[in-house]
Amino acid sequence: MAAPPVVDLPIVDERLAQDLSTGMASVEKLLRSSVETEDAFVTEASKHLIEAGGKRFRTLMVLLAAQFGDPSAPGVVPGAVVIELTHLGSLYHDDVMDEATVRRGSESANTRFGNTVAILTGDYLFAQASEILADLGPALIRIQAQTFSRLVQGQIRETIGVRPGEDAVSHYINVLADKTGSLIAASGRFGALLAGAPSDVEERISRACEAIGVAWQLGDDLLDVASSSSQSGKTPGTDLREGIRTLPVLYVLRSSEPSRLKELLSGPVADEDLEEALTLLRGSTAMAEARAELHAWVDRARNDLSALPDIPAREAFLALCDYVVERSG
């Protein structure tokens, strides 16, 4: 089975490109077989989001990190599957909490199967990840447990919201780091550790991957405001319409000066006000502030990556940093 599409990195090294292609295909094969069971319904529900596709971004992080050791080490592919199953399981739960109707361009699992089945399917994926993980050793089990703890804490913080006296921007960044950055950091750590890379390399890759994860999400915030539908894959202003306070919105609301834009962004933006809100937000200093924050996270990643051994995988990681900046507009 062919591997799914991944981020379009300009990888000029033919051996690295072939290694990644082969690795992605192996991960995809094991990912699908890992959720198969004698119960046809459980298999169908478990494969629902797998079949919907996705970038397999975390798999790419595992495979790139493994290049700093032995990329053919037997634990690398199972480790990537553990990461993907964990990510997919969290998406089933996220869609229930968000009452989402669409995921990856397809009907969400909760819409198709109901909330209860969606939650249980997410739990099943976590269980399958744990079964694979049990064969990879206690160090990986500990990393997974710590990562899962951060994922849940990030979701709790997001659900509860900003507490009295807490800075809304700091709260938001911390939620992104826990909900998104932590699993991408674990992806890099898994790949390096399972491939036998030196511990200092493992640490640098993990930190860089977390920073890339946060920057990617901040890029999504900017895309929702600045992009066309063809660039972002969704209608511009979707977050504004739903009242989701992304980073540019938080910078506007933090301002002490009253304004028409602040008034518009105080809650979900009505359809008739959306174009005005987008126009004002695009021209505001809040977008520049949000873009500066994204650049700061990318610079963190570059600093760690630049200290890694000079191999094609390092250049691919650095190219990914460039891509994260470019896609944000």
Protein backbone atom coordinates (compact mmCIF):
# COMPACT_ATOMS: atom_id res chain seq x y z
CA MET A 1 0.00 0.00 0.00
CA ALA A 2 1.37 3.40 -0.94
CA ALA A 3 2.23 5.87 1.78
CA PRO A 4 -0.04 8.90 2.15
CA PRO A 5 1.14 12.35 1.10
CA VAL A 6 3.34 14.22 3.54
CA VAL A 7 4.57 17.77 3.85
CA ASP A 8 6.21 18.62 0.53
CA LEU A 9 9.80 19.11 1.66
CA PRO A 10 12.49 19.82 -0.92
CA ILE A 11 14.54 16.71 -0.11
CA VAL A 12 17.39 16.58 -2.61
CA ASP A 13 19.19 13.58 -1.13
CA GLU A 14 17.92 10.54 -3.01
CA ARG A 15 18.76 8.02 -0.29
CA LEU A 16 16.93 10.03 2.35
CA ALA A 17 13.91 10.46 0.08
CA GLN A 18 13.84 6.71 -0.55
CA ASP A 19 14.25 5.90 3.16
CA LEU A 20 11.36 8.19 4.06
CA SER A 21 9.13 6.80 1.31
CA THR A 22 9.85 3.22 2.35
CA GLY A 23 9.38 4.05 6.02
CA MET A 24 6.07 5.83 5.43
CA ALA A 25 4.74 2.84 3.51
CA SER A 26 5.82 0.44 6.28
CA VAL A 27 4.20 2.59 8.95
CA GLU A 28 0.98 2.81 6.96
CA LYS A 29 0.83 -0.97 6.56
CA LEU A 30 1.40 -1.65 10.26
CA LEU A 31 -0.94 1.18 11.29
CA ARG A 32 -3.83 -0.40 9.42
CA SER A 33 -3.13 -3.96 10.55
CA SER A 34 -2.75 -2.85 14.18
CA VAL A 35 -6.45 -1.94 14.44
CA GLU A 36 -7.84 -4.98 12.67
CA THR A 37 -9.87 -7.35 14.81
CA GLU A 38 -12.32 -10.20 14.31
CA ASP A 39 -15.14 -7.75 14.99
CA ALA A 40 -15.87 -6.10 11.65
CA PHE A 41 -17.60 -3.11 13.25
CA VAL A 42 -14.67 -2.35 15.58
CA THR A 43 -12.32 -2.58 12.61
CA GLU A 44 -14.51 -0.26 10.55
CA ALA A 45 -14.79 2.34 13.31
CA SER A 46 -11.06 2.14 14.07
CA LYS A 47 -10.05 2.57 10.44
CA HIS A 48 -12.44 5.46 9.87
CA LEU A 49 -9.89 8.23 10.41
CA ILE A 50 -7.02 6.19 9.03
CA GLU A 51 -8.90 5.85 5.75
CA ALA A 52 -9.66 9.59 5.80
CA GLY A 53 -5.94 10.20 5.26
CA GLY A 54 -3.93 12.98 6.82
CA LYS A 55 -0.36 14.23 6.47
CA ARG A 56 1.21 11.62 8.80
CA PHE A 57 3.27 14.59 9.97
CA ARG A 58 4.27 12.85 13.20
CA THR A 59 5.41 9.77 11.32
CA LEU A 60 7.68 12.01 9.25
CA MET A 61 9.19 13.41 12.46
CA VAL A 62 9.92 9.90 13.76
CA LEU A 63 11.54 8.83 10.51
CA LEU A 64 13.63 11.99 10.12
CA ALA A 65 14.85 11.76 13.73
CA ALA A 66 15.80 8.11 13.19
CA GLN A 67 18.26 9.20 10.51
CA PHE A 68 20.57 10.41 13.27
CA GLY A 69 21.05 6.79 14.32
CA ASP A 70 20.16 3.57 12.54
CA PRO A 71 16.96 4.31 10.60
CA SER A 72 16.47 0.61 9.90
CA ALA A 73 16.41 -0.30 13.60
CA PRO A 74 13.46 -2.67 14.24
CA GLY A 75 11.66 -0.37 16.69
CA VAL A 76 11.42 2.71 14.46
CA VAL A 77 8.34 1.73 12.45
CA PRO A 78 6.39 0.37 15.47
CA GLY A 79 7.32 3.53 17.37
CA ALA A 80 5.88 5.68 14.60
CA VAL A 81 2.68 3.60 14.67
CA VAL A 82 2.38 4.18 18.43
CA ILE A 83 2.60 7.93 17.83
CA GLU A 84 0.01 7.86 15.03
CA LEU A 85 -2.42 5.71 17.03
CA THR A 86 -2.12 8.10 19.95
CA HIS A 87 -2.77 11.06 17.68
CA LEU A 88 -5.73 9.40 16.00
CA GLY A 89 -7.23 8.32 19.33
CA SER A 90 -7.06 11.91 20.54
CA LEU A 91 -8.86 13.09 17.39
CA TYR A 92 -11.82 10.78 18.08
CA HIS A 93 -12.12 12.32 21.54
CA ASP A 94 -11.56 15.87 20.27
CA ASP A 95 -14.40 15.56 17.77
CA VAL A 96 -16.80 14.45 20.49
CA MET A 97 -15.84 17.36 22.73
CA ASP A 98 -16.01 19.85 19.86
CA GLU A 99 -19.20 18.32 18.44
CA ALA A 100 -17.44 18.26 15.08
CA THR A 101 -19.28 16.97 12.04
CA VAL A 102 -16.33 16.78 9.62
CA ARG A 103 -12.77 15.54 10.03
CA ARG A 104 -10.23 15.47 7.18
CA GLY A 105 -12.95 16.18 4.66
CA SER A 106 -15.04 13.18 5.74
CA GLU A 107 -17.89 12.63 8.14
CA SER A 108 -16.53 12.64 11.70
CA ALA A 109 -16.66 9.38 13.65
CA ASN A 110 -19.02 10.83 16.25
CA THR A 111 -21.43 11.89 13.53
CA ARG A 112 -21.27 8.53 11.80
CA PHE A 113 -21.19 6.18 14.80
CA GLY A 114 -22.37 8.34 17.71
CA ASN A 115 -20.47 9.87 20.62
CA THR A 116 -20.24 6.74 22.72
CA VAL A 117 -18.74 4.61 19.96
CA ALA A 118 -16.36 7.42 18.99
CA ILE A 119 -15.08 7.69 22.56
CA LEU A 120 -14.69 3.94 22.89
CA THR A 121 -12.91 3.73 19.53
CA GLY A 122 -10.43 6.36 20.67
CA ASP A 123 -9.86 4.28 23.80
CA TYR A 124 -9.32 1.20 21.64
CA LEU A 125 -6.64 2.99 19.61
CA PHE A 126 -4.89 4.02 22.82
CA ALA A 127 -4.98 0.39 23.95
CA GLN A 128 -3.51 -0.82 20.65
CA ALA A 129 -0.76 1.76 20.95
CA SER A 130 0.03 0.51 24.46
CA GLU A 131 0.26 -3.08 23.26
CA ILE A 132 2.84 -2.16 20.63
CA LEU A 133 4.64 0.09 23.09
CA ALA A 134 5.03 -2.75 25.61
CA ASP A 135 7.56 -4.37 23.26
CA LEU A 136 9.64 -1.21 22.88
CA GLY A 137 10.89 -0.97 26.45
CA PRO A 138 10.33 1.01 29.67
CA ALA A 139 12.03 4.19 28.45
CA LEU A 140 9.52 4.55 25.63
CA ILE A 141 6.62 3.66 27.94
CA ARG A 142 7.69 6.44 30.30
CA ILE A 143 7.96 8.99 27.47
CA GLN A 144 4.52 8.00 26.22
CA ALA A 145 3.00 8.33 29.71
CA GLN A 146 4.53 11.77 30.20
CA THR A 147 3.34 12.85 26.77
CA PHE A 148 -0.17 11.57 27.35
CA SER A 149 -0.27 13.46 30.63
CA ARG A 150 0.61 16.68 28.83
CA LEU A 151 -2.00 16.02 26.13
CA VAL A 152 -4.73 15.62 28.72
CA GLN A 153 -3.58 18.57 30.80
CA GLY A 154 -3.56 20.75 27.70
CA GLN A 155 -7.10 19.69 26.86
CA ILE A 156 -8.23 20.38 30.43
CA ARG A 157 -6.65 23.84 30.36
CA GLU A 158 -8.33 24.60 27.05
CA THR A 159 -11.69 23.37 28.34
CA ILE A 160 -11.52 25.35 31.59
CA GLY A 161 -10.22 28.47 29.88
CA VAL A 162 -8.18 31.35 31.21
CA ARG A 163 -8.29 31.64 34.99
CA PRO A 164 -8.52 34.96 36.88
CA GLY A 165 -5.18 36.75 36.82
CA GLU A 166 -3.76 34.50 34.08
CA ASP A 167 -2.45 36.04 30.87
CA ALA A 168 -4.61 34.85 27.99
CA VAL A 169 -1.74 34.74 25.49
CA SER A 170 0.50 32.68 27.80
CA HIS A 171 -2.40 30.35 28.52
CA TYR A 172 -2.99 29.88 24.81
CA ILE A 173 0.66 29.15 24.00
CA ASN A 174 0.88 26.67 26.88
CA VAL A 175 -2.21 24.86 25.60
CA LEU A 176 -0.66 24.60 22.13
CA ALA A 177 2.59 23.29 23.57
CA ASP A 178 0.79 20.60 25.57
CA LYS A 179 -1.94 19.62 23.09
CA THR A 180 0.13 19.72 19.91
CA GLY A 181 3.80 20.27 20.67
CA SER A 182 4.15 17.46 23.19
CA LEU A 183 3.24 14.63 20.81
CA ILE A 184 5.40 16.04 18.02
CA ALA A 185 8.25 16.31 20.53
CA ALA A 186 7.65 12.67 21.46
CA SER A 187 7.74 11.77 17.77
CA GLY A 188 11.25 13.16 17.42
CA ARG A 189 12.36 11.59 20.68
CA PHE A 190 10.95 8.19 19.72
CA GLY A 191 12.75 8.22 16.37
CA ALA A 192 16.10 9.26 17.81
CA LEU A 193 15.93 6.91 20.79
CA LEU A 194 14.77 3.86 18.85
CA ALA A 195 17.48 4.44 16.24
CA GLY A 196 20.17 4.67 18.92
CA ALA A 197 21.08 8.32 18.35
CA PRO A 198 23.24 10.04 21.02
CA SER A 199 21.30 11.46 23.97
CA ASP A 200 22.23 15.07 23.21
CA VAL A 201 20.91 14.64 19.66
CA GLU A 202 17.71 13.13 21.05
CA GLU A 203 17.21 16.12 23.35
CA ARG A 204 17.81 18.68 20.61
CA ILE A 205 15.47 16.95 18.18
CA SER A 206 12.73 16.67 20.79
CA ARG A 207 12.93 20.38 21.67
CA ALA A 208 13.02 21.35 18.00
CA CYS A 209 10.03 19.18 17.16
CA GLU A 210 7.96 20.72 19.96
CA ALA A 211 8.82 24.21 18.73
CA ILE A 212 7.89 23.23 15.17
CA GLY A 213 4.57 21.87 16.44
CA VAL A 214 3.69 25.10 18.23
CA ALA A 215 4.76 27.17 15.22
CA TRP A 216 2.63 25.01 12.91
CA GLN A 217 -0.47 25.69 15.00
CA LEU A 218 0.30 29.40 15.11
CA GLY A 219 0.56 29.26 11.33
CA ASP A 220 -2.94 27.82 11.23
CA ASP A 221 -4.11 30.85 13.23
CA LEU A 222 -2.62 33.20 10.66
CA LEU A 223 -3.95 31.19 7.73
CA ASP A 224 -7.50 31.41 9.06
CA VAL A 225 -7.27 35.17 8.73
CA ALA A 226 -4.89 35.82 5.86
CA SER A 227 -5.34 32.96 3.40
CA SER A 228 -7.74 32.05 0.65
CA SER A 229 -9.77 28.84 0.84
CA SER A 230 -7.40 27.11 -1.58
CA GLN A 231 -4.41 27.80 0.66
CA SER A 232 -5.83 26.73 4.01
CA GLY A 233 -8.35 24.12 2.94
CA LYS A 234 -11.13 25.86 4.84
CA THR A 235 -13.15 29.03 4.54
CA PRO A 236 -11.22 32.08 5.86
CA GLY A 237 -12.59 33.32 9.15
CA THR A 238 -13.90 29.92 10.28
CA ASP A 239 -12.36 30.38 13.74
CA LEU A 240 -13.75 33.93 13.97
CA ARG A 241 -17.23 32.72 13.06
CA GLU A 242 -17.04 30.02 15.75
CA GLY A 243 -15.75 32.43 18.38
CA ILE A 244 -12.41 30.62 18.74
CA ARG A 245 -9.88 33.01 20.22
CA THR A 246 -6.70 32.34 18.26
CA LEU A 247 -3.50 34.29 18.81
CA PRO A 248 -4.24 37.32 16.59
CA VAL A 249 -7.64 37.67 18.26
CA LEU A 250 -6.09 37.47 21.72
CA TYR A 251 -3.64 40.24 20.84
CA VAL A 252 -6.53 42.45 19.72
CA LEU A 253 -8.55 41.76 22.86
CA ARG A 254 -5.52 42.39 25.09
CA SER A 255 -5.31 45.95 23.83
CA SER A 256 -6.59 48.55 26.27
CA GLU A 257 -7.91 50.72 23.46
CA PRO A 258 -11.57 50.30 22.43
CA SER A 259 -12.04 49.74 18.70
CA ARG A 260 -14.52 48.44 16.17
CA LEU A 261 -12.32 45.36 15.66
CA LYS A 262 -12.25 44.63 19.38
CA GLU A 263 -16.03 44.94 19.45
CA LEU A 264 -16.40 42.50 16.54
CA LEU A 265 -14.04 39.93 18.07
CA SER A 266 -15.59 39.97 21.55
CA GLY A 267 -17.67 36.92 20.57
CA PRO A 268 -18.52 34.78 17.53
CA VAL A 269 -18.47 37.00 14.45
CA ALA A 270 -21.78 37.13 12.62
CA ASP A 271 -21.76 36.21 8.94
CA GLU A 272 -22.71 39.72 7.91
CA ASP A 273 -19.73 41.13 9.88
CA LEU A 274 -17.16 38.55 8.82
CA GLU A 275 -15.68 40.40 5.85
CA GLU A 276 -15.31 43.58 7.89
CA ALA A 277 -13.66 41.69 10.74
CA LEU A 278 -11.24 39.94 8.38
CA THR A 279 -10.30 43.20 6.66
CA LEU A 280 -9.67 45.02 9.94
CA LEU A 281 -7.77 42.09 11.45
CA ARG A 282 -5.57 41.65 8.37
CA GLY A 283 -4.52 45.29 8.66
CA SER A 284 -3.96 45.23 12.41
CA THR A 285 -0.72 45.08 14.40
CA ALA A 286 -2.08 41.89 16.00
CA MET A 287 -1.20 39.93 12.86
CA ALA A 288 2.37 41.19 12.99
CA GLU A 289 2.58 40.27 16.67
CA ALA A 290 1.26 36.78 15.99
CA ARG A 291 3.67 36.33 13.09
CA ALA A 292 6.57 37.44 15.32
CA GLU A 293 5.56 34.78 17.87
CA LEU A 294 5.57 32.13 15.14
CA HIS A 295 9.03 33.24 14.02
CA ALA A 296 10.30 33.05 17.60
CA TRP A 297 9.23 29.40 17.86
CA VAL A 298 10.76 28.57 14.47
CA ASP A 299 14.01 30.23 15.57
CA ARG A 300 14.05 28.03 18.68
CA ALA A 301 13.76 24.99 16.46
CA ARG A 302 16.48 26.20 14.11
CA ASN A 303 18.88 26.84 16.97
CA ASP A 304 18.65 23.24 18.14
CA LEU A 305 18.63 21.76 14.65
CA SER A 306 21.69 23.75 13.56
CA ALA A 307 23.73 22.03 16.26
CA LEU A 308 22.89 18.54 14.96
CA PRO A 309 25.28 16.47 12.83
CA ASP A 310 25.46 17.75 9.27
CA ILE A 311 23.49 15.05 7.44
CA PRO A 312 20.64 15.30 4.89
CA ALA A 313 18.04 14.81 7.63
CA ARG A 314 19.20 18.01 9.33
CA GLU A 315 18.69 19.91 6.09
CA ALA A 316 15.22 18.37 5.78
CA PHE A 317 14.34 19.51 9.31
CA LEU A 318 15.61 23.02 8.52
CA ALA A 319 13.62 23.00 5.29
CA LEU A 320 10.56 22.14 7.36
CA CYS A 321 11.20 25.25 9.46
CA ASP A 322 11.25 27.32 6.27
CA TYR A 323 8.03 25.66 5.14
CA VAL A 324 6.25 26.45 8.42
CA VAL A 325 7.10 30.13 7.93
CA GLU A 326 6.21 30.20 4.24
CA ARG A 327 2.83 28.51 4.65
CA SER A 328 1.74 31.12 7.20
CA GLY A 329 1.72 33.76 4.49
